[in-house]
Amino acid sequence: MTYILYGAAALAEIAGCFSFWAWWRLEKSPLWLLPGLASLALFGFLLALVDANAAGRAYAAYGGIYIAASLGWLWLAEGVRPDRWDFAGAALCIVGASVILLAPRGA
């Protein structure tokens, strides 16, 4: 369930940030900011649902998932296919996030 929450949070964060990118860099209407702000609020809510014993650890693990999701956005939304180095880096990040999430920790 944690990976699903992270994936949904990443999509919400990327969509929210992209709305600002589109407004500023692509000269879209300022109305693009409204769904962007809602998407960023959804991101914060979804990340808060992650079952973790510390917020910092939840955020650190999320970072790896965010990187991989950003490359998915690059490909699907922007039409730029990630190269082998992007895929390799994303795989390393997913492994790193999994180590943080799944490591056995003492009480």
N, C-alpha and C. Protein backbone atom coordinates (compact mmCIF):
# COMPACT_ATOMS: atom_id res chain seq x y z
N MET A 1 0.82 -1.20 0.00
CA MET A 1 0.00 0.00 0.00
C MET A 1 0.87 1.26 0.00
N THR A 2 2.02 1.18 0.66
CA THR A 2 2.90 2.35 0.74
C THR A 2 3.35 2.80 -0.64
N TYR A 3 3.72 1.84 -1.50
CA TYR A 3 4.18 2.20 -2.84
C TYR A 3 3.05 2.82 -3.66
N ILE A 4 1.83 2.36 -3.45
CA ILE A 4 0.68 2.96 -4.15
C ILE A 4 0.47 4.40 -3.69
N LEU A 5 0.55 4.62 -2.38
CA LEU A 5 0.42 5.99 -1.87
C LEU A 5 1.53 6.88 -2.41
N TYR A 6 2.76 6.35 -2.41
CA TYR A 6 3.87 7.13 -2.94
C TYR A 6 3.66 7.45 -4.42
N GLY A 7 3.20 6.47 -5.18
CA GLY A 7 2.96 6.71 -6.61
C GLY A 7 1.89 7.76 -6.83
N ALA A 8 0.81 7.68 -6.07
CA ALA A 8 -0.26 8.68 -6.20
C ALA A 8 0.22 10.06 -5.76
N ALA A 9 0.99 10.10 -4.67
CA ALA A 9 1.54 11.38 -4.20
C ALA A 9 2.47 11.98 -5.24
N ALA A 10 3.29 11.14 -5.85
CA ALA A 10 4.22 11.63 -6.88
C ALA A 10 3.46 12.21 -8.07
N LEU A 11 2.43 11.51 -8.51
CA LEU A 11 1.63 12.02 -9.62
C LEU A 11 1.00 13.36 -9.27
N ALA A 12 0.47 13.47 -8.05
CA ALA A 12 -0.14 14.73 -7.62
C ALA A 12 0.90 15.84 -7.54
N GLU A 13 2.08 15.54 -7.00
CA GLU A 13 3.11 16.58 -6.89
C GLU A 13 3.60 17.01 -8.26
N ILE A 14 3.87 16.06 -9.12
CA ILE A 14 4.38 16.39 -10.45
C ILE A 14 3.35 17.19 -11.24
N ALA A 15 2.09 16.78 -11.18
CA ALA A 15 1.04 17.53 -11.89
C ALA A 15 0.93 18.95 -11.34
N GLY A 16 0.99 19.08 -10.01
CA GLY A 16 0.92 20.42 -9.41
C GLY A 16 2.09 21.29 -9.81
N CYS A 17 3.27 20.72 -9.76
CA CYS A 17 4.46 21.50 -10.15
C CYS A 17 4.44 21.82 -11.64
N PHE A 18 3.94 20.88 -12.45
CA PHE A 18 3.88 21.12 -13.89
C PHE A 18 2.93 22.27 -14.21
N SER A 19 1.89 22.44 -13.41
CA SER A 19 0.98 23.55 -13.68
C SER A 19 1.71 24.89 -13.54
N PHE A 20 2.60 24.97 -12.57
CA PHE A 20 3.40 26.19 -12.42
C PHE A 20 4.39 26.33 -13.58
N TRP A 21 4.99 25.22 -13.97
CA TRP A 21 5.91 25.22 -15.11
C TRP A 21 5.17 25.70 -16.36
N ALA A 22 3.98 25.16 -16.59
CA ALA A 22 3.22 25.53 -17.78
C ALA A 22 2.84 27.01 -17.75
N TRP A 23 2.43 27.49 -16.59
CA TRP A 23 2.06 28.90 -16.48
C TRP A 23 3.28 29.79 -16.73
N TRP A 24 4.37 29.49 -16.10
CA TRP A 24 5.55 30.36 -16.16
C TRP A 24 6.37 30.17 -17.44
N ARG A 25 6.69 28.91 -17.76
CA ARG A 25 7.61 28.63 -18.86
C ARG A 25 6.93 28.46 -20.21
N LEU A 26 5.70 27.97 -20.18
CA LEU A 26 4.98 27.74 -21.43
C LEU A 26 3.93 28.82 -21.69
N GLU A 27 3.89 29.82 -20.81
CA GLU A 27 3.00 30.97 -20.94
C GLU A 27 1.52 30.59 -21.04
N LYS A 28 1.14 29.60 -20.23
CA LYS A 28 -0.28 29.21 -20.15
C LYS A 28 -1.02 30.19 -19.25
N SER A 29 -2.31 30.10 -19.26
CA SER A 29 -3.17 30.97 -18.45
C SER A 29 -2.88 30.78 -16.96
N PRO A 30 -2.99 31.87 -16.17
CA PRO A 30 -2.86 31.73 -14.72
C PRO A 30 -3.89 30.77 -14.11
N LEU A 31 -4.95 30.49 -14.85
CA LEU A 31 -5.94 29.53 -14.37
C LEU A 31 -5.36 28.13 -14.19
N TRP A 32 -4.24 27.85 -14.86
CA TRP A 32 -3.54 26.57 -14.68
C TRP A 32 -3.09 26.40 -13.23
N LEU A 33 -2.94 27.50 -12.51
CA LEU A 33 -2.45 27.41 -11.13
C LEU A 33 -3.49 26.84 -10.17
N LEU A 34 -4.75 27.01 -10.47
CA LEU A 34 -5.81 26.53 -9.57
C LEU A 34 -5.80 25.01 -9.41
N PRO A 35 -5.85 24.24 -10.50
CA PRO A 35 -5.76 22.79 -10.30
C PRO A 35 -4.38 22.39 -9.79
N GLY A 36 -3.38 23.17 -10.11
CA GLY A 36 -2.04 22.88 -9.61
C GLY A 36 -1.96 22.98 -8.10
N LEU A 37 -2.57 24.00 -7.55
CA LEU A 37 -2.59 24.15 -6.09
C LEU A 37 -3.38 23.03 -5.43
N ALA A 38 -4.50 22.66 -6.03
CA ALA A 38 -5.29 21.54 -5.49
C ALA A 38 -4.50 20.24 -5.56
N SER A 39 -3.77 20.06 -6.63
CA SER A 39 -2.96 18.86 -6.78
C SER A 39 -1.84 18.81 -5.75
N LEU A 40 -1.23 19.96 -5.47
CA LEU A 40 -0.17 19.99 -4.45
C LEU A 40 -0.74 19.74 -3.05
N ALA A 41 -1.94 20.21 -2.79
CA ALA A 41 -2.59 19.91 -1.50
C ALA A 41 -2.87 18.41 -1.40
N LEU A 42 -3.33 17.81 -2.47
CA LEU A 42 -3.57 16.37 -2.50
C LEU A 42 -2.27 15.61 -2.25
N PHE A 43 -1.19 16.08 -2.85
CA PHE A 43 0.12 15.47 -2.62
C PHE A 43 0.45 15.43 -1.13
N GLY A 44 0.31 16.55 -0.46
CA GLY A 44 0.62 16.61 0.96
C GLY A 44 -0.26 15.67 1.77
N PHE A 45 -1.53 15.60 1.42
CA PHE A 45 -2.45 14.70 2.12
C PHE A 45 -2.05 13.24 1.92
N LEU A 46 -1.78 12.86 0.67
CA LEU A 46 -1.41 11.47 0.38
C LEU A 46 -0.12 11.07 1.09
N LEU A 47 0.84 11.96 1.10
CA LEU A 47 2.11 11.63 1.76
C LEU A 47 1.92 11.47 3.26
N ALA A 48 0.99 12.22 3.82
CA ALA A 48 0.71 12.09 5.26
C ALA A 48 0.04 10.76 5.60
N LEU A 49 -0.55 10.09 4.63
CA LEU A 49 -1.20 8.80 4.87
C LEU A 49 -0.21 7.63 4.96
N VAL A 50 1.03 7.86 4.54
CA VAL A 50 2.02 6.78 4.54
C VAL A 50 2.28 6.34 5.98
N ASP A 51 2.25 5.02 6.18
CA ASP A 51 2.50 4.45 7.49
C ASP A 51 4.01 4.39 7.73
N ALA A 52 4.52 5.36 8.46
CA ALA A 52 5.95 5.41 8.77
C ALA A 52 6.10 5.93 10.19
N ASN A 53 7.20 5.53 10.84
CA ASN A 53 7.41 5.95 12.22
C ASN A 53 8.03 7.34 12.33
N ALA A 54 8.46 7.91 11.21
CA ALA A 54 9.04 9.25 11.22
C ALA A 54 8.80 9.91 9.87
N ALA A 55 8.40 11.16 9.90
CA ALA A 55 8.11 11.88 8.66
C ALA A 55 9.34 11.97 7.76
N GLY A 56 10.48 12.25 8.34
CA GLY A 56 11.70 12.38 7.54
C GLY A 56 12.03 11.11 6.78
N ARG A 57 11.82 9.96 7.40
CA ARG A 57 12.08 8.69 6.73
C ARG A 57 11.06 8.48 5.60
N ALA A 58 9.81 8.82 5.85
CA ALA A 58 8.79 8.70 4.80
C ALA A 58 9.14 9.59 3.62
N TYR A 59 9.60 10.80 3.89
CA TYR A 59 9.95 11.73 2.82
C TYR A 59 11.18 11.26 2.06
N ALA A 60 12.15 10.72 2.78
CA ALA A 60 13.38 10.24 2.13
C ALA A 60 13.07 9.10 1.17
N ALA A 61 12.27 8.15 1.62
CA ALA A 61 11.90 7.03 0.75
C ALA A 61 11.07 7.53 -0.42
N TYR A 62 10.20 8.49 -0.19
CA TYR A 62 9.38 9.05 -1.24
C TYR A 62 10.24 9.65 -2.35
N GLY A 63 11.36 10.22 -1.98
CA GLY A 63 12.23 10.85 -2.97
C GLY A 63 12.62 9.91 -4.10
N GLY A 64 12.92 8.67 -3.77
CA GLY A 64 13.27 7.70 -4.80
C GLY A 64 12.12 7.39 -5.73
N ILE A 65 10.94 7.27 -5.16
CA ILE A 65 9.75 7.01 -5.97
C ILE A 65 9.43 8.22 -6.86
N TYR A 66 9.62 9.41 -6.29
CA TYR A 66 9.37 10.64 -7.05
C TYR A 66 10.28 10.72 -8.28
N ILE A 67 11.53 10.35 -8.13
CA ILE A 67 12.46 10.40 -9.26
C ILE A 67 11.98 9.50 -10.39
N ALA A 68 11.61 8.28 -10.06
CA ALA A 68 11.13 7.36 -11.08
C ALA A 68 9.83 7.88 -11.72
N ALA A 69 8.93 8.39 -10.91
CA ALA A 69 7.67 8.92 -11.42
C ALA A 69 7.90 10.13 -12.33
N SER A 70 8.89 10.95 -12.00
CA SER A 70 9.20 12.11 -12.83
C SER A 70 9.65 11.70 -14.22
N LEU A 71 10.39 10.61 -14.29
CA LEU A 71 10.81 10.11 -15.60
C LEU A 71 9.63 9.54 -16.37
N GLY A 72 8.68 8.94 -15.65
CA GLY A 72 7.44 8.50 -16.30
C GLY A 72 6.67 9.68 -16.87
N TRP A 73 6.62 10.77 -16.11
CA TRP A 73 5.96 12.01 -16.59
C TRP A 73 6.67 12.54 -17.83
N LEU A 74 8.00 12.55 -17.77
CA LEU A 74 8.80 13.00 -18.91
C LEU A 74 8.39 12.26 -20.18
N TRP A 75 8.22 10.95 -20.05
CA TRP A 75 7.90 10.11 -21.18
C TRP A 75 6.45 10.26 -21.62
N LEU A 76 5.53 10.11 -20.66
CA LEU A 76 4.11 10.08 -21.01
C LEU A 76 3.50 11.45 -21.27
N ALA A 77 3.86 12.44 -20.49
CA ALA A 77 3.24 13.76 -20.62
C ALA A 77 4.00 14.68 -21.55
N GLU A 78 5.33 14.54 -21.57
CA GLU A 78 6.13 15.46 -22.38
C GLU A 78 6.65 14.84 -23.68
N GLY A 79 6.46 13.52 -23.82
CA GLY A 79 6.86 12.86 -25.06
C GLY A 79 8.35 12.68 -25.25
N VAL A 80 9.12 12.77 -24.16
CA VAL A 80 10.57 12.59 -24.25
C VAL A 80 10.90 11.24 -23.60
N ARG A 81 11.41 10.31 -24.40
CA ARG A 81 11.71 8.98 -23.86
C ARG A 81 12.99 9.03 -23.02
N PRO A 82 12.90 8.55 -21.77
CA PRO A 82 14.11 8.49 -20.95
C PRO A 82 15.14 7.56 -21.60
N ASP A 83 16.41 7.86 -21.39
CA ASP A 83 17.45 6.99 -21.95
C ASP A 83 17.87 5.94 -20.92
N ARG A 84 18.82 5.11 -21.29
CA ARG A 84 19.23 4.02 -20.40
C ARG A 84 19.79 4.53 -19.09
N TRP A 85 20.40 5.69 -19.10
CA TRP A 85 20.95 6.25 -17.86
C TRP A 85 19.84 6.72 -16.93
N ASP A 86 18.79 7.25 -17.53
CA ASP A 86 17.62 7.62 -16.73
C ASP A 86 17.02 6.38 -16.06
N PHE A 87 16.86 5.31 -16.86
CA PHE A 87 16.29 4.08 -16.31
C PHE A 87 17.19 3.49 -15.22
N ALA A 88 18.49 3.51 -15.45
CA ALA A 88 19.42 2.97 -14.45
C ALA A 88 19.36 3.79 -13.17
N GLY A 89 19.36 5.09 -13.30
CA GLY A 89 19.28 5.96 -12.12
C GLY A 89 17.98 5.77 -11.37
N ALA A 90 16.87 5.65 -12.10
CA ALA A 90 15.58 5.43 -11.45
C ALA A 90 15.56 4.10 -10.71
N ALA A 91 16.14 3.06 -11.31
CA ALA A 91 16.19 1.76 -10.64
C ALA A 91 17.00 1.85 -9.35
N LEU A 92 18.10 2.56 -9.38
CA LEU A 92 18.89 2.75 -8.16
C LEU A 92 18.09 3.48 -7.09
N CYS A 93 17.33 4.46 -7.51
CA CYS A 93 16.51 5.22 -6.56
C CYS A 93 15.42 4.36 -5.95
N ILE A 94 14.79 3.51 -6.76
CA ILE A 94 13.75 2.62 -6.24
C ILE A 94 14.36 1.64 -5.23
N VAL A 95 15.53 1.12 -5.55
CA VAL A 95 16.21 0.21 -4.62
C VAL A 95 16.53 0.96 -3.33
N GLY A 96 17.03 2.17 -3.43
CA GLY A 96 17.34 2.97 -2.24
C GLY A 96 16.11 3.24 -1.41
N ALA A 97 15.01 3.61 -2.06
CA ALA A 97 13.77 3.86 -1.33
C ALA A 97 13.29 2.59 -0.64
N SER A 98 13.43 1.46 -1.31
CA SER A 98 13.00 0.19 -0.72
C SER A 98 13.86 -0.18 0.50
N VAL A 99 15.15 0.10 0.43
CA VAL A 99 16.01 -0.16 1.59
C VAL A 99 15.52 0.67 2.78
N ILE A 100 15.23 1.92 2.54
CA ILE A 100 14.74 2.79 3.62
C ILE A 100 13.42 2.28 4.17
N LEU A 101 12.52 1.89 3.27
CA LEU A 101 11.18 1.46 3.71
C LEU A 101 11.17 0.08 4.37
N LEU A 102 11.94 -0.84 3.86
CA LEU A 102 11.81 -2.24 4.27
C LEU A 102 12.87 -2.72 5.23
N ALA A 103 13.83 -1.88 5.57
CA ALA A 103 14.90 -2.32 6.48
C ALA A 103 14.32 -2.68 7.84
N PRO A 104 14.80 -3.79 8.41
CA PRO A 104 14.33 -4.14 9.76
C PRO A 104 14.89 -3.14 10.76
N ARG A 105 14.04 -2.64 11.60
CA ARG A 105 14.47 -1.64 12.59
C ARG A 105 14.08 -2.14 13.97
N GLY A 106 14.98 -1.94 14.92
CA GLY A 106 14.71 -2.32 16.30
C GLY A 106 13.74 -1.34 16.94
N ALA A 107 13.09 -1.80 17.97
CA ALA A 107 12.12 -0.95 18.66
C ALA A 107 12.77 -0.02 19.64
